[in-house]
Amino acid sequence: MQITAIEIYKYSIPMHPFTIATGTMHFAQNIFIRVQTDAGITGVGECSAFPMIVGETQNTCFEMAKDFAQLWKGKDALDIESRMQELHLFTAGNSTAKSAFDMALYDIAAKHQQQPLYVFLGGKKKPLETDLTIGIHTATEMAEQAKDFIRRGVRIQRSAVRIGGLYRKASYLDTLAAAYAETGDFESAIKYEQQAIAAQTKFDKLSDGDGALNTYRQHRPFRTHPAKES
């Protein structure tokens, strides 16, 4: 089954500014591809660049996708291993862009076998639940967003500060602790405040880490300013 053409689309999805430890995203930087074959089967793939994490942007993914498309034209769409090896030999890294092409080939292979993709991959049908990640704001704003997500039925939440915890910044961990306290999870608040105190440096010191920690142990939020009435 030969690849006859590959269409590449760039599209940005506006989003509420999403901040993590390494920067802020104002829109989802997506690339969508459609791989066409001489058998009339079309496979689709998508990737979303996150430059602060993987070093790829929407523009770099778009340019690499154009090169990948030229490499694959006239090649066997069902030989997934060989097609991906061609991309790896062509360029190191660029995993985000490559993922869209990988996805499209598996879409074609599953359609060729007249199977849903999860069956083709040997999986079983089961409910899947993902999470919503809360970006870095003030502790009160993060807590209010968490409460809003819960009201809307979201059961699994993560904090971008927690993801950013890999950077071990005291100020980020302190904010995370305060946000947990605002939602009533004082066990987590104590845990992350202790980590914040330990992570302090002369360039990243807390204003009152010990005071916050003692307050959380009393099962009370720690607020440097009075909370606004809702």
C-alpha atoms as a PDB file:
ATOM      1  CA  MET A   1       0.000   0.000   0.000  1.00  0.00           C
ATOM      2  CA  GLN A   2       1.799   3.088  -1.250  1.00  0.00           C
ATOM      3  CA  ILE A   3       1.629   6.572   0.230  1.00  0.00           C
ATOM      4  CA  THR A   4       0.435   8.943  -2.490  1.00  0.00           C
ATOM      5  CA  ALA A   5       0.196  12.255  -0.646  1.00  0.00           C
ATOM      6  CA  ILE A   6       0.451  13.810   2.786  1.00  0.00           C
ATOM      7  CA  GLU A   7      -1.507  16.905   3.750  1.00  0.00           C
ATOM      8  CA  ILE A   8      -0.178  19.069   6.575  1.00  0.00           C
ATOM      9  CA  TYR A   9      -2.199  21.641   8.486  1.00  0.00           C
ATOM     10  CA  LYS A  10      -1.155  24.109  11.137  1.00  0.00           C
ATOM     11  CA  TYR A  11      -3.821  25.210  13.587  1.00  0.00           C
ATOM     12  CA  SER A  12      -3.721  27.018  16.899  1.00  0.00           C
ATOM     13  CA  ILE A  13      -6.358  26.520  19.568  1.00  0.00           C
ATOM     14  CA  PRO A  14      -6.834  29.561  21.840  1.00  0.00           C
ATOM     15  CA  MET A  15      -6.679  28.732  25.515  1.00  0.00           C
ATOM     16  CA  HIS A  16      -6.677  30.474  28.851  1.00  0.00           C
ATOM     17  CA  PRO A  17      -3.014  31.385  29.548  1.00  0.00           C
ATOM     18  CA  PHE A  18      -1.464  28.223  30.957  1.00  0.00           C
ATOM     19  CA  THR A  19       1.634  28.731  33.088  1.00  0.00           C
ATOM     20  CA  ILE A  20       4.094  26.102  34.285  1.00  0.00           C
ATOM     21  CA  ALA A  21       7.543  26.438  35.803  1.00  0.00           C
ATOM     22  CA  THR A  22       9.221  27.033  32.446  1.00  0.00           C
ATOM     23  CA  GLY A  23       6.829  29.481  30.789  1.00  0.00           C
ATOM     24  CA  THR A  24       3.313  30.356  29.639  1.00  0.00           C
ATOM     25  CA  MET A  25       1.284  28.987  26.714  1.00  0.00           C
ATOM     26  CA  HIS A  26      -1.477  31.143  25.189  1.00  0.00           C
ATOM     27  CA  PHE A  27      -2.653  28.629  22.589  1.00  0.00           C
ATOM     28  CA  ALA A  28      -2.244  24.953  21.739  1.00  0.00           C
ATOM     29  CA  GLN A  29       0.382  24.713  18.987  1.00  0.00           C
ATOM     30  CA  ASN A  30      -1.071  21.864  16.938  1.00  0.00           C
ATOM     31  CA  ILE A  31      -0.160  20.193  13.645  1.00  0.00           C
ATOM     32  CA  PHE A  32      -2.620  17.876  11.878  1.00  0.00           C
ATOM     33  CA  ILE A  33      -1.625  15.537   9.043  1.00  0.00           C
ATOM     34  CA  ARG A  34      -3.569  13.328   6.644  1.00  0.00           C
ATOM     35  CA  VAL A  35      -1.716  10.483   4.905  1.00  0.00           C
ATOM     36  CA  GLN A  36      -3.373   9.238   1.711  1.00  0.00           C
ATOM     37  CA  THR A  37      -2.705   5.871   0.061  1.00  0.00           C
ATOM     38  CA  ASP A  38      -3.332   4.225  -3.318  1.00  0.00           C
ATOM     39  CA  ALA A  39      -5.738   1.816  -1.582  1.00  0.00           C
ATOM     40  CA  GLY A  40      -8.071   4.667  -0.724  1.00  0.00           C
ATOM     41  CA  ILE A  41      -7.304   4.398   2.989  1.00  0.00           C
ATOM     42  CA  THR A  42      -6.460   7.639   4.758  1.00  0.00           C
ATOM     43  CA  GLY A  43      -4.684   7.914   8.099  1.00  0.00           C
ATOM     44  CA  VAL A  44      -4.691  10.951  10.322  1.00  0.00           C
ATOM     45  CA  GLY A  45      -2.255  12.088  12.980  1.00  0.00           C
ATOM     46  CA  GLU A  46      -1.807  15.068  15.244  1.00  0.00           C
ATOM     47  CA  CYS A  47       0.813  16.568  17.494  1.00  0.00           C
ATOM     48  CA  SER A  48       0.901  19.525  19.849  1.00  0.00           C
ATOM     49  CA  ALA A  49       4.232  21.257  20.365  1.00  0.00           C
ATOM     50  CA  PHE A  50       5.257  22.364  23.844  1.00  0.00           C
ATOM     51  CA  PRO A  51       8.495  24.311  23.263  1.00  0.00           C
ATOM     52  CA  MET A  52       9.352  24.827  26.939  1.00  0.00           C
ATOM     53  CA  ILE A  53       9.419  21.055  27.495  1.00  0.00           C
ATOM     54  CA  VAL A  54      10.547  19.386  24.249  1.00  0.00           C
ATOM     55  CA  GLY A  55      12.202  22.249  22.343  1.00  0.00           C
ATOM     56  CA  GLU A  56       9.836  22.037  19.358  1.00  0.00           C
ATOM     57  CA  THR A  57       7.444  24.754  18.219  1.00  0.00           C
ATOM     58  CA  GLN A  58       4.474  24.666  15.906  1.00  0.00           C
ATOM     59  CA  ASN A  59       6.652  26.161  13.174  1.00  0.00           C
ATOM     60  CA  THR A  60       9.490  23.646  13.566  1.00  0.00           C
ATOM     61  CA  CYS A  61       6.975  20.773  13.523  1.00  0.00           C
ATOM     62  CA  PHE A  62       5.377  22.193  10.376  1.00  0.00           C
ATOM     63  CA  GLU A  63       8.708  22.483   8.555  1.00  0.00           C
ATOM     64  CA  MET A  64       9.859  19.027   9.623  1.00  0.00           C
ATOM     65  CA  ALA A  65       6.505  17.576   8.567  1.00  0.00           C
ATOM     66  CA  LYS A  66       7.048  18.878   5.042  1.00  0.00           C
ATOM     67  CA  ASP A  67      10.410  17.116   4.881  1.00  0.00           C
ATOM     68  CA  PHE A  68       8.939  13.914   6.317  1.00  0.00           C
ATOM     69  CA  ALA A  69       6.179  13.973   3.703  1.00  0.00           C
ATOM     70  CA  GLN A  70       8.753  14.052   0.901  1.00  0.00           C
ATOM     71  CA  LEU A  71      10.611  11.107   2.431  1.00  0.00           C
ATOM     72  CA  TRP A  72       7.510   8.946   2.560  1.00  0.00           C
ATOM     73  CA  LYS A  73       5.920   9.619  -0.799  1.00  0.00           C
ATOM     74  CA  GLY A  74       5.635   6.358  -2.771  1.00  0.00           C
ATOM     75  CA  LYS A  75       6.643   4.226   0.237  1.00  0.00           C
ATOM     76  CA  ASP A  76       4.754   1.335   1.861  1.00  0.00           C
ATOM     77  CA  ALA A  77       2.370   2.713   4.497  1.00  0.00           C
ATOM     78  CA  LEU A  78       2.062  -0.665   6.245  1.00  0.00           C
ATOM     79  CA  ASP A  79       5.784  -1.007   6.945  1.00  0.00           C
ATOM     80  CA  ILE A  80       5.607   1.206  10.016  1.00  0.00           C
ATOM     81  CA  GLU A  81       8.996   0.250  11.452  1.00  0.00           C
ATOM     82  CA  SER A  82      10.841   1.128   8.223  1.00  0.00           C
ATOM     83  CA  ARG A  83       8.937   4.385   7.774  1.00  0.00           C
ATOM     84  CA  MET A  84       9.743   5.558  11.298  1.00  0.00           C
ATOM     85  CA  GLN A  85      13.377   4.479  10.961  1.00  0.00           C
ATOM     86  CA  GLU A  86      13.604   6.736   7.902  1.00  0.00           C
ATOM     87  CA  LEU A  87      12.519   9.677  10.016  1.00  0.00           C
ATOM     88  CA  HIS A  88      14.987   8.811  12.786  1.00  0.00           C
ATOM     89  CA  LEU A  89      17.856   8.564  10.281  1.00  0.00           C
ATOM     90  CA  PHE A  90      16.821  11.827   8.671  1.00  0.00           C
ATOM     91  CA  THR A  91      16.898  13.802  11.897  1.00  0.00           C
ATOM     92  CA  ALA A  92      17.550  13.281  15.579  1.00  0.00           C
ATOM     93  CA  GLY A  93      14.943  14.364  18.112  1.00  0.00           C
ATOM     94  CA  ASN A  94      11.823  16.105  16.782  1.00  0.00           C
ATOM     95  CA  SER A  95       9.719  13.520  18.598  1.00  0.00           C
ATOM     96  CA  THR A  96       6.626  15.715  18.598  1.00  0.00           C
ATOM     97  CA  ALA A  97       6.545  16.026  14.806  1.00  0.00           C
ATOM     98  CA  LYS A  98       7.375  12.337  14.369  1.00  0.00           C
ATOM     99  CA  SER A  99       4.519  11.305  16.651  1.00  0.00           C
ATOM    100  CA  ALA A 100       1.909  12.676  14.239  1.00  0.00           C
ATOM    101  CA  PHE A 101       3.309  10.533  11.411  1.00  0.00           C
ATOM    102  CA  ASP A 102       3.540   7.466  13.638  1.00  0.00           C
ATOM    103  CA  MET A 103      -0.086   7.951  14.637  1.00  0.00           C
ATOM    104  CA  ALA A 104      -1.231   8.266  11.024  1.00  0.00           C
ATOM    105  CA  LEU A 105       0.432   5.010  10.003  1.00  0.00           C
ATOM    106  CA  TYR A 106      -1.192   3.087  12.830  1.00  0.00           C
ATOM    107  CA  ASP A 107      -4.523   4.594  11.819  1.00  0.00           C
ATOM    108  CA  ILE A 108      -3.975   3.249   8.290  1.00  0.00           C
ATOM    109  CA  ALA A 109      -2.881  -0.180   9.529  1.00  0.00           C
ATOM    110  CA  ALA A 110      -5.940  -0.563  11.758  1.00  0.00           C
ATOM    111  CA  LYS A 111      -8.294   0.532   8.977  1.00  0.00           C
ATOM    112  CA  HIS A 112      -6.588  -1.920   6.609  1.00  0.00           C
ATOM    113  CA  GLN A 113      -7.391  -4.719   9.067  1.00  0.00           C
ATOM    114  CA  GLN A 114     -10.903  -3.306   9.513  1.00  0.00           C
ATOM    115  CA  GLN A 115     -10.344  -3.041  13.243  1.00  0.00           C
ATOM    116  CA  PRO A 116     -10.580  -0.271  15.793  1.00  0.00           C
ATOM    117  CA  LEU A 117      -7.069   0.868  16.678  1.00  0.00           C
ATOM    118  CA  TYR A 118      -7.269  -0.449  20.245  1.00  0.00           C
ATOM    119  CA  VAL A 119      -8.094  -3.945  18.917  1.00  0.00           C
ATOM    120  CA  PHE A 120      -5.305  -3.746  16.325  1.00  0.00           C
ATOM    121  CA  LEU A 121      -2.873  -2.921  19.132  1.00  0.00           C
ATOM    122  CA  GLY A 122      -4.110  -5.830  21.232  1.00  0.00           C
ATOM    123  CA  GLY A 123      -6.036  -3.780  23.756  1.00  0.00           C
ATOM    124  CA  LYS A 124      -9.513  -4.050  25.196  1.00  0.00           C
ATOM    125  CA  LYS A 125     -12.334  -1.569  25.293  1.00  0.00           C
ATOM    126  CA  LYS A 126     -12.366   0.192  28.635  1.00  0.00           C
ATOM    127  CA  PRO A 127     -13.266   3.591  30.015  1.00  0.00           C
ATOM    128  CA  LEU A 128     -10.413   6.096  30.008  1.00  0.00           C
ATOM    129  CA  GLU A 129     -10.186   9.071  32.283  1.00  0.00           C
ATOM    130  CA  THR A 130      -7.665  11.839  31.877  1.00  0.00           C
ATOM    131  CA  ASP A 131      -6.767  14.781  34.085  1.00  0.00           C
ATOM    132  CA  LEU A 132      -6.971  18.551  33.964  1.00  0.00           C
ATOM    133  CA  THR A 133      -3.811  20.385  34.928  1.00  0.00           C
ATOM    134  CA  ILE A 134      -4.026  23.601  36.907  1.00  0.00           C
ATOM    135  CA  GLY A 135      -1.511  26.220  35.825  1.00  0.00           C
ATOM    136  CA  ILE A 136       0.521  28.422  38.136  1.00  0.00           C
ATOM    137  CA  HIS A 137      -1.396  31.342  39.638  1.00  0.00           C
ATOM    138  CA  THR A 138      -1.795  32.605  43.155  1.00  0.00           C
ATOM    139  CA  ALA A 139      -2.720  29.911  45.651  1.00  0.00           C
ATOM    140  CA  THR A 140      -6.272  31.251  45.962  1.00  0.00           C
ATOM    141  CA  GLU A 141      -6.770  31.317  42.188  1.00  0.00           C
ATOM    142  CA  MET A 142      -5.453  27.778  41.855  1.00  0.00           C
ATOM    143  CA  ALA A 143      -7.742  26.570  44.621  1.00  0.00           C
ATOM    144  CA  GLU A 144     -10.781  28.262  43.074  1.00  0.00           C
ATOM    145  CA  GLN A 145     -10.001  26.690  39.716  1.00  0.00           C
ATOM    146  CA  ALA A 146      -9.673  23.290  41.377  1.00  0.00           C
ATOM    147  CA  LYS A 147     -13.053  23.732  43.064  1.00  0.00           C
ATOM    148  CA  ASP A 148     -14.615  24.766  39.741  1.00  0.00           C
ATOM    149  CA  PHE A 149     -13.218  21.657  38.045  1.00  0.00           C
ATOM    150  CA  ILE A 150     -14.673  19.489  40.808  1.00  0.00           C
ATOM    151  CA  ARG A 151     -18.073  21.141  40.391  1.00  0.00           C
ATOM    152  CA  ARG A 152     -17.883  20.328  36.684  1.00  0.00           C
ATOM    153  CA  GLY A 153     -17.243  16.649  37.387  1.00  0.00           C
ATOM    154  CA  VAL A 154     -13.469  16.446  36.996  1.00  0.00           C
ATOM    155  CA  ARG A 155     -12.120  13.792  39.352  1.00  0.00           C
ATOM    156  CA  ILE A 156      -8.397  13.810  38.491  1.00  0.00           C
ATOM    157  CA  GLN A 157      -6.433  17.031  38.767  1.00  0.00           C
ATOM    158  CA  ARG A 158      -2.777  17.899  38.686  1.00  0.00           C
ATOM    159  CA  SER A 159      -1.022  21.110  39.440  1.00  0.00           C
ATOM    160  CA  ALA A 160       1.445  22.590  36.980  1.00  0.00           C
ATOM    161  CA  VAL A 161       3.500  23.567  40.007  1.00  0.00           C
ATOM    162  CA  ARG A 162       3.716  19.901  40.900  1.00  0.00           C
ATOM    163  CA  ILE A 163       4.970  19.140  37.402  1.00  0.00           C
ATOM    164  CA  GLY A 164       7.376  22.008  37.799  1.00  0.00           C
ATOM    165  CA  GLY A 165       8.468  20.523  41.097  1.00  0.00           C
ATOM    166  CA  LEU A 166      11.182  18.795  39.139  1.00  0.00           C
ATOM    167  CA  TYR A 167      12.875  22.184  39.202  1.00  0.00           C
ATOM    168  CA  ARG A 168      12.705  22.207  43.011  1.00  0.00           C
ATOM    169  CA  LYS A 169      11.913  25.887  43.313  1.00  0.00           C
ATOM    170  CA  ALA A 170      10.887  26.837  46.830  1.00  0.00           C
ATOM    171  CA  SER A 171       8.431  29.497  45.658  1.00  0.00           C
ATOM    172  CA  TYR A 172       6.627  27.044  43.345  1.00  0.00           C
ATOM    173  CA  LEU A 173       6.357  24.402  46.054  1.00  0.00           C
ATOM    174  CA  ASP A 174       5.131  27.036  48.527  1.00  0.00           C
ATOM    175  CA  THR A 175       2.376  28.060  46.114  1.00  0.00           C
ATOM    176  CA  LEU A 176       1.395  24.429  45.609  1.00  0.00           C
ATOM    177  CA  ALA A 177       1.188  23.894  49.375  1.00  0.00           C
ATOM    178  CA  ALA A 178      -1.020  26.971  49.771  1.00  0.00           C
ATOM    179  CA  ALA A 179      -3.318  25.813  46.967  1.00  0.00           C
ATOM    180  CA  TYR A 180      -3.750  22.397  48.591  1.00  0.00           C
ATOM    181  CA  ALA A 181      -4.570  24.094  51.884  1.00  0.00           C
ATOM    182  CA  GLU A 182      -7.232  26.225  50.205  1.00  0.00           C
ATOM    183  CA  THR A 183      -8.947  23.044  48.999  1.00  0.00           C
ATOM    184  CA  GLY A 184      -8.727  21.458  52.451  1.00  0.00           C
ATOM    185  CA  ASP A 185      -6.003  18.929  51.640  1.00  0.00           C
ATOM    186  CA  PHE A 186      -3.763  19.802  54.580  1.00  0.00           C
ATOM    187  CA  GLU A 187      -1.765  16.587  54.408  1.00  0.00           C
ATOM    188  CA  SER A 188      -0.499  17.565  50.948  1.00  0.00           C
ATOM    189  CA  ALA A 189      -0.085  21.189  52.060  1.00  0.00           C
ATOM    190  CA  ILE A 190       2.224  20.113  54.883  1.00  0.00           C
ATOM    191  CA  LYS A 191       4.177  17.792  52.609  1.00  0.00           C
ATOM    192  CA  TYR A 192       4.875  20.440  49.959  1.00  0.00           C
ATOM    193  CA  GLU A 193       5.532  23.232  52.444  1.00  0.00           C
ATOM    194  CA  GLN A 194       8.207  21.059  54.058  1.00  0.00           C
ATOM    195  CA  GLN A 195       9.725  20.517  50.617  1.00  0.00           C
ATOM    196  CA  ALA A 196       9.536  24.272  49.935  1.00  0.00           C
ATOM    197  CA  ILE A 197      11.388  25.098  53.143  1.00  0.00           C
ATOM    198  CA  ALA A 198      14.095  22.558  52.318  1.00  0.00           C
ATOM    199  CA  ALA A 199      14.457  23.866  48.741  1.00  0.00           C
ATOM    200  CA  GLN A 200      15.136  27.488  49.706  1.00  0.00           C
ATOM    201  CA  THR A 201      18.213  29.243  48.342  1.00  0.00           C
ATOM    202  CA  LYS A 202      19.528  32.765  48.832  1.00  0.00           C
ATOM    203  CA  PHE A 203      17.846  33.669  45.539  1.00  0.00           C
ATOM    204  CA  ASP A 204      14.546  31.902  46.286  1.00  0.00           C
ATOM    205  CA  LYS A 205      13.566  32.383  49.916  1.00  0.00           C
ATOM    206  CA  LEU A 206      10.101  32.107  51.441  1.00  0.00           C
ATOM    207  CA  SER A 207       8.602  35.005  53.343  1.00  0.00           C
ATOM    208  CA  ASP A 208       7.263  32.809  56.159  1.00  0.00           C
ATOM    209  CA  GLY A 209       7.593  29.112  55.417  1.00  0.00           C
ATOM    210  CA  ASP A 210       7.560  28.091  59.066  1.00  0.00           C
ATOM    211  CA  GLY A 211       4.452  30.150  59.713  1.00  0.00           C
ATOM    212  CA  ALA A 212       2.676  28.559  56.766  1.00  0.00           C
ATOM    213  CA  LEU A 213       3.684  25.076  57.893  1.00  0.00           C
ATOM    214  CA  ASN A 214       2.393  25.648  61.431  1.00  0.00           C
ATOM    215  CA  THR A 215      -0.875  27.001  60.057  1.00  0.00           C
ATOM    216  CA  TYR A 216      -1.396  23.942  57.855  1.00  0.00           C
ATOM    217  CA  ARG A 217      -0.780  21.706  60.862  1.00  0.00           C
ATOM    218  CA  GLN A 218      -3.703  23.507  62.505  1.00  0.00           C
ATOM    219  CA  HIS A 219      -5.783  22.646  59.421  1.00  0.00           C
ATOM    220  CA  ARG A 220      -6.113  26.274  58.346  1.00  0.00           C
ATOM    221  CA  PRO A 221      -5.112  27.965  55.062  1.00  0.00           C
ATOM    222  CA  PHE A 222      -2.212  30.378  55.272  1.00  0.00           C
ATOM    223  CA  ARG A 223      -3.087  33.754  53.775  1.00  0.00           C
ATOM    224  CA  THR A 224      -0.896  36.822  53.664  1.00  0.00           C
ATOM    225  CA  HIS A 225      -3.980  38.775  52.488  1.00  0.00           C
ATOM    226  CA  PRO A 226      -7.616  38.234  53.503  1.00  0.00           C
ATOM    227  CA  ALA A 227      -9.565  36.002  51.140  1.00  0.00           C
ATOM    228  CA  LYS A 228     -12.173  37.746  49.002  1.00  0.00           C
ATOM    229  CA  GLU A 229     -15.815  37.124  49.796  1.00  0.00           C
ATOM    230  CA  SER A 230     -17.526  35.032  47.135  1.00  0.00           C
END
